[in-house]
Amino acid sequence: MSTLLFIVFIVLVCINIILYYNFRKQKERKIICAEAGPTKDISNNSTPHDYPITFFDEIMINGKKINEKEYIPIIVHGSCMEQRGIFSGDILYVKEIKALSNEEKEKIIKERDILLIYLSDKDIYKIREFEKVDAENKAKTFYYTTEGKNYSTNSHEFETIQGVVKYKLPA
């Protein structure tokens, strides 16, 4: 009888250790809400606010282990990237590049990359597809509507580019 109790005790201890290890890996982080649509009429009150969400240190996306600490998690609000397979409510992982110089950013960003851009005057984030560096040495970007490709009203200073979308969390 005491042997059976000892075995049950050991099993319970092992289960508690496993549960502790899994919950220890969870972290609460803020997830940024990024606007995916025309921004000319947006104020910081019209975009949902950022909110905390629990993340793990590592996740698997398309069979690849991803360290979430290396990325900015964002949630998409709007439909301007549906042609690229990005829908409102999707969670994306962005490789942060805001601390890099403009020259370093220009080398990293490629045509068709989805960029996370911060508009300080409206206090919002948005996502746009990168096309090229224009004559003023700014990022020329666009978004999609039902009519097709629409260029952003203004090209973006490289200082406003926070990162490049690398992964989409599978639904």
N, C-alpha and C. Protein backbone atom coordinates (compact mmCIF):
# COMPACT_ATOMS: atom_id res chain seq x y z
N MET A 1 0.81 -1.19 0.00
CA MET A 1 0.00 0.00 0.00
C MET A 1 0.86 1.26 0.00
N SER A 2 1.90 1.27 0.83
CA SER A 2 2.78 2.45 0.88
C SER A 2 3.53 2.61 -0.44
N THR A 3 3.84 1.54 -1.11
CA THR A 3 4.51 1.62 -2.41
C THR A 3 3.59 2.28 -3.44
N LEU A 4 2.32 1.91 -3.41
CA LEU A 4 1.34 2.50 -4.32
C LEU A 4 1.18 4.00 -4.05
N LEU A 5 1.12 4.41 -2.80
CA LEU A 5 1.02 5.82 -2.45
C LEU A 5 2.27 6.58 -2.89
N PHE A 6 3.40 5.95 -2.74
CA PHE A 6 4.66 6.57 -3.15
C PHE A 6 4.67 6.78 -4.66
N ILE A 7 4.20 5.82 -5.44
CA ILE A 7 4.15 5.93 -6.91
C ILE A 7 3.19 7.05 -7.31
N VAL A 8 2.01 7.09 -6.67
CA VAL A 8 1.04 8.16 -6.96
C VAL A 8 1.65 9.52 -6.64
N PHE A 9 2.34 9.63 -5.52
CA PHE A 9 2.99 10.87 -5.13
C PHE A 9 4.01 11.31 -6.18
N ILE A 10 4.83 10.38 -6.64
CA ILE A 10 5.86 10.67 -7.65
C ILE A 10 5.21 11.12 -8.96
N VAL A 11 4.12 10.45 -9.36
CA VAL A 11 3.42 10.83 -10.59
C VAL A 11 2.86 12.25 -10.46
N LEU A 12 2.26 12.59 -9.33
CA LEU A 12 1.73 13.94 -9.12
C LEU A 12 2.83 15.00 -9.13
N VAL A 13 3.95 14.69 -8.54
CA VAL A 13 5.08 15.62 -8.55
C VAL A 13 5.55 15.85 -10.00
N CYS A 14 5.64 14.78 -10.77
CA CYS A 14 6.07 14.90 -12.18
C CYS A 14 5.09 15.75 -12.98
N ILE A 15 3.80 15.55 -12.77
CA ILE A 15 2.79 16.33 -13.48
C ILE A 15 2.91 17.81 -13.11
N ASN A 16 3.11 18.10 -11.84
CA ASN A 16 3.28 19.49 -11.41
C ASN A 16 4.51 20.12 -12.00
N ILE A 17 5.58 19.38 -12.11
CA ILE A 17 6.82 19.91 -12.71
C ILE A 17 6.58 20.24 -14.19
N ILE A 18 5.90 19.36 -14.90
CA ILE A 18 5.61 19.59 -16.32
C ILE A 18 4.72 20.82 -16.48
N LEU A 19 3.67 20.93 -15.68
CA LEU A 19 2.78 22.08 -15.77
C LEU A 19 3.52 23.39 -15.44
N TYR A 20 4.35 23.35 -14.42
CA TYR A 20 5.12 24.54 -14.04
C TYR A 20 6.02 24.97 -15.20
N TYR A 21 6.71 24.02 -15.82
CA TYR A 21 7.62 24.33 -16.91
C TYR A 21 6.87 24.98 -18.08
N ASN A 22 5.69 24.43 -18.44
CA ASN A 22 4.93 24.99 -19.55
C ASN A 22 4.40 26.38 -19.24
N PHE A 23 3.86 26.62 -18.06
CA PHE A 23 3.33 27.93 -17.73
C PHE A 23 4.43 28.95 -17.51
N ARG A 24 5.61 28.52 -17.10
CA ARG A 24 6.74 29.43 -16.91
C ARG A 24 7.17 30.05 -18.23
N LYS A 25 6.97 29.32 -19.32
CA LYS A 25 7.37 29.81 -20.63
C LYS A 25 6.42 30.88 -21.17
N GLN A 26 5.24 31.04 -20.59
CA GLN A 26 4.29 32.04 -21.06
C GLN A 26 4.72 33.44 -20.63
N LYS A 27 4.47 34.39 -21.50
CA LYS A 27 4.77 35.80 -21.22
C LYS A 27 3.57 36.63 -21.66
N GLU A 28 3.31 37.69 -20.93
CA GLU A 28 2.28 38.62 -21.36
C GLU A 28 2.96 39.79 -22.04
N ARG A 29 2.55 40.07 -23.26
CA ARG A 29 3.11 41.18 -24.04
C ARG A 29 1.97 41.98 -24.63
N LYS A 30 2.28 43.20 -24.99
CA LYS A 30 1.28 44.00 -25.71
C LYS A 30 1.34 43.60 -27.17
N ILE A 31 0.17 43.52 -27.76
CA ILE A 31 0.09 43.28 -29.20
C ILE A 31 -0.37 44.59 -29.84
N ILE A 32 0.32 45.01 -30.87
CA ILE A 32 0.03 46.27 -31.54
C ILE A 32 -1.08 46.05 -32.55
N CYS A 33 -2.03 46.96 -32.59
CA CYS A 33 -3.07 46.93 -33.61
C CYS A 33 -2.59 47.78 -34.77
N ALA A 34 -2.48 47.18 -35.96
CA ALA A 34 -2.01 47.89 -37.14
C ALA A 34 -3.15 48.06 -38.12
N GLU A 35 -3.36 49.27 -38.56
CA GLU A 35 -4.42 49.59 -39.51
C GLU A 35 -4.03 49.09 -40.89
N ALA A 36 -4.96 48.42 -41.55
CA ALA A 36 -4.75 47.95 -42.92
C ALA A 36 -5.87 48.52 -43.78
N GLY A 37 -5.71 49.76 -44.15
CA GLY A 37 -6.72 50.44 -44.95
C GLY A 37 -6.32 51.89 -45.10
N PRO A 38 -7.09 52.67 -45.84
CA PRO A 38 -6.76 54.09 -46.00
C PRO A 38 -6.71 54.79 -44.64
N THR A 39 -5.72 55.65 -44.46
CA THR A 39 -5.53 56.28 -43.15
C THR A 39 -5.84 57.77 -43.15
N LYS A 40 -6.32 58.32 -44.25
CA LYS A 40 -6.54 59.78 -44.30
C LYS A 40 -7.58 60.26 -43.30
N ASP A 41 -8.56 59.41 -42.95
CA ASP A 41 -9.61 59.84 -42.02
C ASP A 41 -9.50 59.19 -40.65
N ILE A 42 -8.38 58.56 -40.36
CA ILE A 42 -8.23 57.83 -39.11
C ILE A 42 -7.70 58.75 -38.02
N SER A 43 -8.28 58.60 -36.84
CA SER A 43 -7.69 59.23 -35.66
C SER A 43 -7.34 58.09 -34.72
N ASN A 44 -6.59 58.37 -33.67
CA ASN A 44 -6.19 57.30 -32.76
C ASN A 44 -7.38 56.74 -31.99
N ASN A 45 -8.56 57.39 -32.07
CA ASN A 45 -9.75 56.85 -31.41
C ASN A 45 -10.50 55.85 -32.29
N SER A 46 -10.20 55.83 -33.61
CA SER A 46 -10.96 54.96 -34.50
C SER A 46 -10.31 53.58 -34.65
N THR A 47 -9.08 53.44 -34.24
CA THR A 47 -8.40 52.16 -34.33
C THR A 47 -8.44 51.48 -32.97
N PRO A 48 -8.74 50.18 -32.94
CA PRO A 48 -8.75 49.50 -31.64
C PRO A 48 -7.42 49.68 -30.92
N HIS A 49 -7.49 49.79 -29.60
CA HIS A 49 -6.27 49.99 -28.81
C HIS A 49 -5.49 48.69 -28.70
N ASP A 50 -4.20 48.84 -28.42
CA ASP A 50 -3.35 47.69 -28.18
C ASP A 50 -3.84 47.01 -26.90
N TYR A 51 -3.63 45.71 -26.82
CA TYR A 51 -4.06 45.01 -25.62
C TYR A 51 -3.09 43.89 -25.29
N PRO A 52 -3.03 43.49 -24.00
CA PRO A 52 -2.09 42.44 -23.62
C PRO A 52 -2.59 41.07 -24.07
N ILE A 53 -1.66 40.20 -24.39
CA ILE A 53 -1.99 38.84 -24.80
C ILE A 53 -0.86 37.94 -24.30
N THR A 54 -1.17 36.71 -23.99
CA THR A 54 -0.17 35.78 -23.49
C THR A 54 0.52 35.08 -24.66
N PHE A 55 1.84 35.08 -24.65
CA PHE A 55 2.64 34.42 -25.67
C PHE A 55 3.59 33.43 -25.02
N PHE A 56 4.03 32.47 -25.78
CA PHE A 56 5.06 31.55 -25.35
C PHE A 56 6.40 32.02 -25.91
N ASP A 57 7.51 31.54 -25.33
CA ASP A 57 8.82 31.93 -25.83
C ASP A 57 9.04 31.45 -27.26
N GLU A 58 8.57 30.26 -27.57
CA GLU A 58 8.76 29.69 -28.89
C GLU A 58 7.46 29.09 -29.38
N ILE A 59 7.20 29.23 -30.68
CA ILE A 59 6.05 28.61 -31.30
C ILE A 59 6.50 27.99 -32.61
N MET A 60 5.65 27.17 -33.19
CA MET A 60 5.93 26.57 -34.49
C MET A 60 5.02 27.21 -35.53
N ILE A 61 5.61 27.72 -36.60
CA ILE A 61 4.86 28.26 -37.73
C ILE A 61 5.39 27.58 -38.98
N ASN A 62 4.51 26.90 -39.68
CA ASN A 62 4.88 26.17 -40.90
C ASN A 62 6.08 25.26 -40.68
N GLY A 63 6.08 24.57 -39.53
CA GLY A 63 7.15 23.61 -39.23
C GLY A 63 8.45 24.23 -38.79
N LYS A 64 8.48 25.55 -38.60
CA LYS A 64 9.71 26.24 -38.19
C LYS A 64 9.51 26.78 -36.78
N LYS A 65 10.51 26.56 -35.91
CA LYS A 65 10.45 27.06 -34.54
C LYS A 65 10.80 28.55 -34.55
N ILE A 66 9.90 29.36 -33.99
CA ILE A 66 10.05 30.81 -33.97
C ILE A 66 10.19 31.29 -32.53
N ASN A 67 11.22 32.08 -32.27
CA ASN A 67 11.39 32.70 -30.96
C ASN A 67 10.64 34.02 -30.97
N GLU A 68 9.52 34.07 -30.25
CA GLU A 68 8.65 35.25 -30.29
C GLU A 68 9.32 36.51 -29.76
N LYS A 69 10.35 36.38 -28.93
CA LYS A 69 11.03 37.55 -28.38
C LYS A 69 11.70 38.38 -29.48
N GLU A 70 11.97 37.75 -30.61
CA GLU A 70 12.67 38.43 -31.69
C GLU A 70 11.74 39.20 -32.63
N TYR A 71 10.44 39.17 -32.35
CA TYR A 71 9.47 39.78 -33.25
C TYR A 71 8.48 40.66 -32.50
N ILE A 72 7.88 41.60 -33.24
CA ILE A 72 6.81 42.43 -32.71
C ILE A 72 5.50 41.77 -33.15
N PRO A 73 4.65 41.38 -32.21
CA PRO A 73 3.35 40.82 -32.62
C PRO A 73 2.37 41.95 -32.92
N ILE A 74 1.66 41.82 -34.04
CA ILE A 74 0.63 42.81 -34.37
C ILE A 74 -0.65 42.09 -34.77
N ILE A 75 -1.76 42.77 -34.56
CA ILE A 75 -3.05 42.27 -35.04
C ILE A 75 -3.55 43.24 -36.09
N VAL A 76 -4.05 42.71 -37.19
CA VAL A 76 -4.46 43.53 -38.32
C VAL A 76 -5.90 44.00 -38.14
N HIS A 77 -6.14 45.27 -38.45
CA HIS A 77 -7.48 45.86 -38.43
C HIS A 77 -7.72 46.48 -39.79
N GLY A 78 -8.56 45.88 -40.59
CA GLY A 78 -8.84 46.39 -41.92
C GLY A 78 -8.60 45.34 -42.98
N SER A 79 -8.87 45.71 -44.22
CA SER A 79 -8.87 44.70 -45.29
C SER A 79 -7.96 45.01 -46.47
N CYS A 80 -7.06 45.96 -46.35
CA CYS A 80 -6.29 46.38 -47.53
C CYS A 80 -5.19 45.40 -47.95
N MET A 81 -4.98 44.34 -47.19
CA MET A 81 -3.96 43.36 -47.57
C MET A 81 -4.56 41.98 -47.83
N GLU A 82 -5.87 41.93 -48.05
CA GLU A 82 -6.52 40.63 -48.31
C GLU A 82 -5.96 39.97 -49.56
N GLN A 83 -5.57 40.76 -50.57
CA GLN A 83 -4.98 40.18 -51.78
C GLN A 83 -3.64 39.50 -51.49
N ARG A 84 -3.03 39.84 -50.38
CA ARG A 84 -1.78 39.19 -49.96
C ARG A 84 -2.04 38.08 -48.92
N GLY A 85 -3.31 37.77 -48.68
CA GLY A 85 -3.66 36.71 -47.74
C GLY A 85 -3.64 37.15 -46.28
N ILE A 86 -3.69 38.45 -46.04
CA ILE A 86 -3.70 39.00 -44.68
C ILE A 86 -5.07 39.62 -44.45
N PHE A 87 -5.78 39.11 -43.44
CA PHE A 87 -7.15 39.53 -43.18
C PHE A 87 -7.27 40.22 -41.83
N SER A 88 -8.34 41.00 -41.68
CA SER A 88 -8.60 41.67 -40.41
C SER A 88 -8.71 40.62 -39.31
N GLY A 89 -7.99 40.85 -38.21
CA GLY A 89 -7.97 39.90 -37.09
C GLY A 89 -6.77 38.97 -37.11
N ASP A 90 -6.04 38.91 -38.22
CA ASP A 90 -4.83 38.06 -38.29
C ASP A 90 -3.74 38.60 -37.37
N ILE A 91 -2.98 37.69 -36.80
CA ILE A 91 -1.81 38.06 -36.00
C ILE A 91 -0.57 37.82 -36.84
N LEU A 92 0.24 38.87 -36.95
CA LEU A 92 1.48 38.82 -37.73
C LEU A 92 2.67 39.03 -36.81
N TYR A 93 3.81 38.49 -37.23
CA TYR A 93 5.06 38.70 -36.51
C TYR A 93 5.98 39.53 -37.39
N VAL A 94 6.43 40.65 -36.82
CA VAL A 94 7.22 41.64 -37.55
C VAL A 94 8.64 41.63 -37.02
N LYS A 95 9.61 41.54 -37.93
CA LYS A 95 11.02 41.65 -37.56
C LYS A 95 11.32 43.13 -37.37
N GLU A 96 11.69 43.50 -36.15
CA GLU A 96 11.92 44.90 -35.81
C GLU A 96 13.20 45.42 -36.47
N ILE A 97 13.08 46.59 -37.12
CA ILE A 97 14.24 47.23 -37.74
C ILE A 97 14.32 48.72 -37.41
N LYS A 98 13.46 49.19 -36.49
CA LYS A 98 13.39 50.64 -36.24
C LYS A 98 14.70 51.23 -35.73
N ALA A 99 15.55 50.45 -35.09
CA ALA A 99 16.80 50.98 -34.55
C ALA A 99 17.90 51.07 -35.60
N LEU A 100 17.66 50.51 -36.77
CA LEU A 100 18.69 50.54 -37.82
C LEU A 100 18.74 51.90 -38.50
N SER A 101 19.88 52.19 -39.12
CA SER A 101 20.00 53.43 -39.88
C SER A 101 19.15 53.33 -41.15
N ASN A 102 18.89 54.47 -41.78
CA ASN A 102 18.12 54.47 -43.02
C ASN A 102 18.80 53.64 -44.10
N GLU A 103 20.13 53.73 -44.17
CA GLU A 103 20.88 52.97 -45.18
C GLU A 103 20.74 51.46 -44.95
N GLU A 104 20.80 51.06 -43.68
CA GLU A 104 20.63 49.63 -43.36
C GLU A 104 19.22 49.16 -43.69
N LYS A 105 18.23 49.99 -43.40
CA LYS A 105 16.84 49.64 -43.72
C LYS A 105 16.66 49.46 -45.22
N GLU A 106 17.25 50.37 -46.01
CA GLU A 106 17.14 50.29 -47.47
C GLU A 106 17.72 48.98 -48.00
N LYS A 107 18.77 48.48 -47.37
CA LYS A 107 19.38 47.21 -47.80
C LYS A 107 18.52 46.01 -47.43
N ILE A 108 17.81 46.09 -46.31
CA ILE A 108 17.01 44.96 -45.81
C ILE A 108 15.66 44.86 -46.52
N ILE A 109 15.01 46.00 -46.73
CA ILE A 109 13.66 46.00 -47.29
C ILE A 109 13.70 45.69 -48.78
N LYS A 110 12.85 44.75 -49.17
CA LYS A 110 12.78 44.32 -50.57
C LYS A 110 11.40 44.62 -51.14
N GLU A 111 11.34 44.71 -52.47
CA GLU A 111 10.05 44.91 -53.13
C GLU A 111 9.08 43.82 -52.71
N ARG A 112 7.83 44.20 -52.44
CA ARG A 112 6.72 43.33 -52.01
C ARG A 112 6.74 42.99 -50.53
N ASP A 113 7.74 43.47 -49.78
CA ASP A 113 7.72 43.29 -48.32
C ASP A 113 6.53 44.06 -47.75
N ILE A 114 5.92 43.50 -46.70
CA ILE A 114 4.87 44.20 -45.96
C ILE A 114 5.56 44.91 -44.80
N LEU A 115 5.39 46.22 -44.72
CA LEU A 115 6.07 47.03 -43.71
C LEU A 115 5.11 47.44 -42.60
N LEU A 116 5.64 47.50 -41.38
CA LEU A 116 4.92 48.10 -40.26
C LEU A 116 5.43 49.52 -40.14
N ILE A 117 4.52 50.47 -40.26
CA ILE A 117 4.86 51.89 -40.28
C ILE A 117 4.14 52.58 -39.13
N TYR A 118 4.85 53.48 -38.44
CA TYR A 118 4.25 54.24 -37.34
C TYR A 118 4.02 55.68 -37.79
N LEU A 119 2.77 56.14 -37.69
CA LEU A 119 2.44 57.53 -38.01
C LEU A 119 2.32 58.30 -36.69
N SER A 120 3.34 59.06 -36.36
CA SER A 120 3.35 59.76 -35.07
C SER A 120 2.28 60.85 -34.99
N ASP A 121 1.95 61.49 -36.12
CA ASP A 121 0.94 62.55 -36.09
C ASP A 121 -0.45 62.02 -35.78
N LYS A 122 -0.73 60.76 -36.11
CA LYS A 122 -2.03 60.15 -35.80
C LYS A 122 -1.92 59.13 -34.67
N ASP A 123 -0.70 58.86 -34.22
CA ASP A 123 -0.44 57.88 -33.16
C ASP A 123 -1.04 56.51 -33.50
N ILE A 124 -0.78 56.06 -34.73
CA ILE A 124 -1.25 54.75 -35.15
C ILE A 124 -0.14 54.01 -35.90
N TYR A 125 -0.31 52.70 -35.97
CA TYR A 125 0.53 51.85 -36.81
C TYR A 125 -0.29 51.43 -38.01
N LYS A 126 0.38 51.21 -39.14
CA LYS A 126 -0.30 50.69 -40.31
C LYS A 126 0.64 49.74 -41.04
N ILE A 127 0.06 48.90 -41.88
CA ILE A 127 0.86 48.03 -42.72
C ILE A 127 0.65 48.42 -44.18
N ARG A 128 1.73 48.38 -44.93
CA ARG A 128 1.70 48.70 -46.36
C ARG A 128 2.70 47.82 -47.09
N GLU A 129 2.44 47.60 -48.36
CA GLU A 129 3.39 46.86 -49.20
C GLU A 129 4.40 47.84 -49.79
N PHE A 130 5.67 47.45 -49.74
CA PHE A 130 6.76 48.29 -50.24
C PHE A 130 6.94 48.05 -51.74
N GLU A 131 7.08 49.15 -52.49
CA GLU A 131 7.35 49.03 -53.92
C GLU A 131 8.80 49.38 -54.25
N LYS A 132 9.22 50.59 -53.84
CA LYS A 132 10.59 51.02 -54.17
C LYS A 132 10.94 52.26 -53.36
N VAL A 133 12.19 52.66 -53.46
CA VAL A 133 12.65 53.92 -52.89
C VAL A 133 12.43 54.97 -53.98
N ASP A 134 11.72 56.06 -53.64
CA ASP A 134 11.40 57.06 -54.65
C ASP A 134 12.54 58.07 -54.81
N ALA A 135 12.31 59.08 -55.65
CA ALA A 135 13.34 60.08 -55.96
C ALA A 135 13.73 60.91 -54.73
N GLU A 136 12.84 61.01 -53.74
CA GLU A 136 13.15 61.76 -52.52
C GLU A 136 13.77 60.88 -51.45
N ASN A 137 14.17 59.68 -51.83
CA ASN A 137 14.77 58.70 -50.91
C ASN A 137 13.82 58.31 -49.78
N LYS A 138 12.55 58.14 -50.14
CA LYS A 138 11.52 57.69 -49.21
C LYS A 138 10.94 56.37 -49.72
N ALA A 139 10.25 55.67 -48.83
CA ALA A 139 9.65 54.39 -49.18
C ALA A 139 8.30 54.62 -49.86
N LYS A 140 8.20 54.20 -51.12
CA LYS A 140 6.93 54.30 -51.84
C LYS A 140 6.15 53.02 -51.55
N THR A 141 4.94 53.17 -50.99
CA THR A 141 4.15 52.02 -50.56
C THR A 141 2.74 52.09 -51.15
N PHE A 142 2.03 50.96 -51.04
CA PHE A 142 0.65 50.92 -51.51
C PHE A 142 -0.14 49.91 -50.70
N TYR A 143 -1.45 49.94 -50.91
CA TYR A 143 -2.37 48.99 -50.30
C TYR A 143 -3.37 48.60 -51.38
N TYR A 144 -4.21 47.63 -51.10
CA TYR A 144 -5.18 47.14 -52.07
C TYR A 144 -6.60 47.52 -51.68
N THR A 145 -7.42 47.78 -52.68
CA THR A 145 -8.87 47.92 -52.50
C THR A 145 -9.52 47.03 -53.54
N THR A 146 -10.83 47.05 -53.61
CA THR A 146 -11.52 46.24 -54.62
C THR A 146 -11.18 46.71 -56.03
N GLU A 147 -10.77 47.97 -56.15
CA GLU A 147 -10.38 48.51 -57.47
C GLU A 147 -8.95 48.11 -57.84
N GLY A 148 -8.20 47.59 -56.90
CA GLY A 148 -6.81 47.20 -57.17
C GLY A 148 -5.83 47.92 -56.27
N LYS A 149 -4.65 48.16 -56.82
CA LYS A 149 -3.54 48.75 -56.07
C LYS A 149 -3.74 50.26 -55.92
N ASN A 150 -3.61 50.77 -54.68
CA ASN A 150 -3.70 52.20 -54.40
C ASN A 150 -2.43 52.65 -53.69
N TYR A 151 -1.78 53.65 -54.25
CA TYR A 151 -0.56 54.16 -53.63
C TYR A 151 -0.90 54.99 -52.41
N SER A 152 -0.04 54.89 -51.40
CA SER A 152 -0.20 55.72 -50.21
C SER A 152 -0.11 57.18 -50.63
N THR A 153 -0.85 58.04 -49.95
CA THR A 153 -0.88 59.47 -50.29
C THR A 153 0.52 60.06 -50.27
N ASN A 154 1.29 59.69 -49.26
CA ASN A 154 2.67 60.17 -49.13
C ASN A 154 3.61 58.98 -49.02
N SER A 155 4.80 59.15 -49.61
CA SER A 155 5.84 58.16 -49.37
C SER A 155 6.29 58.29 -47.92
N HIS A 156 6.89 57.26 -47.38
CA HIS A 156 7.23 57.24 -45.96
C HIS A 156 8.72 57.42 -45.72
N GLU A 157 9.03 58.27 -44.76
CA GLU A 157 10.40 58.42 -44.30
C GLU A 157 10.84 57.07 -43.72
N PHE A 158 12.09 56.71 -43.91
CA PHE A 158 12.56 55.43 -43.40
C PHE A 158 12.53 55.37 -41.86
N GLU A 159 12.57 56.55 -41.21
CA GLU A 159 12.50 56.59 -39.75
C GLU A 159 11.16 56.06 -39.23
N THR A 160 10.11 56.15 -40.05
CA THR A 160 8.78 55.71 -39.61
C THR A 160 8.59 54.20 -39.74
N ILE A 161 9.48 53.53 -40.46
CA ILE A 161 9.35 52.09 -40.67
C ILE A 161 9.87 51.35 -39.44
N GLN A 162 8.97 50.62 -38.81
CA GLN A 162 9.29 49.90 -37.56
C GLN A 162 9.78 48.49 -37.82
N GLY A 163 9.31 47.87 -38.91
CA GLY A 163 9.72 46.49 -39.17
C GLY A 163 9.12 45.94 -40.44
N VAL A 164 9.48 44.66 -40.70
CA VAL A 164 9.03 43.93 -41.88
C VAL A 164 8.29 42.69 -41.41
N VAL A 165 7.08 42.48 -41.95
CA VAL A 165 6.29 41.30 -41.59
C VAL A 165 7.02 40.05 -42.10
N LYS A 166 7.20 39.08 -41.18
CA LYS A 166 7.89 37.85 -41.55
C LYS A 166 6.98 36.62 -41.46
N TYR A 167 6.03 36.61 -40.52
CA TYR A 167 5.20 35.43 -40.32
C TYR A 167 3.76 35.83 -40.02
N LYS A 168 2.86 34.93 -40.42
CA LYS A 168 1.44 35.06 -40.06
C LYS A 168 1.09 33.87 -39.21
N LEU A 169 0.49 34.13 -38.04
CA LEU A 169 0.09 33.05 -37.16
C LEU A 169 -1.05 32.30 -37.83
N PRO A 170 -0.89 31.00 -38.02
CA PRO A 170 -1.96 30.23 -38.67
C PRO A 170 -3.24 30.26 -37.85
N ALA A 171 -4.36 30.31 -38.55
CA ALA A 171 -5.67 30.34 -37.88
C ALA A 171 -6.02 28.98 -37.31
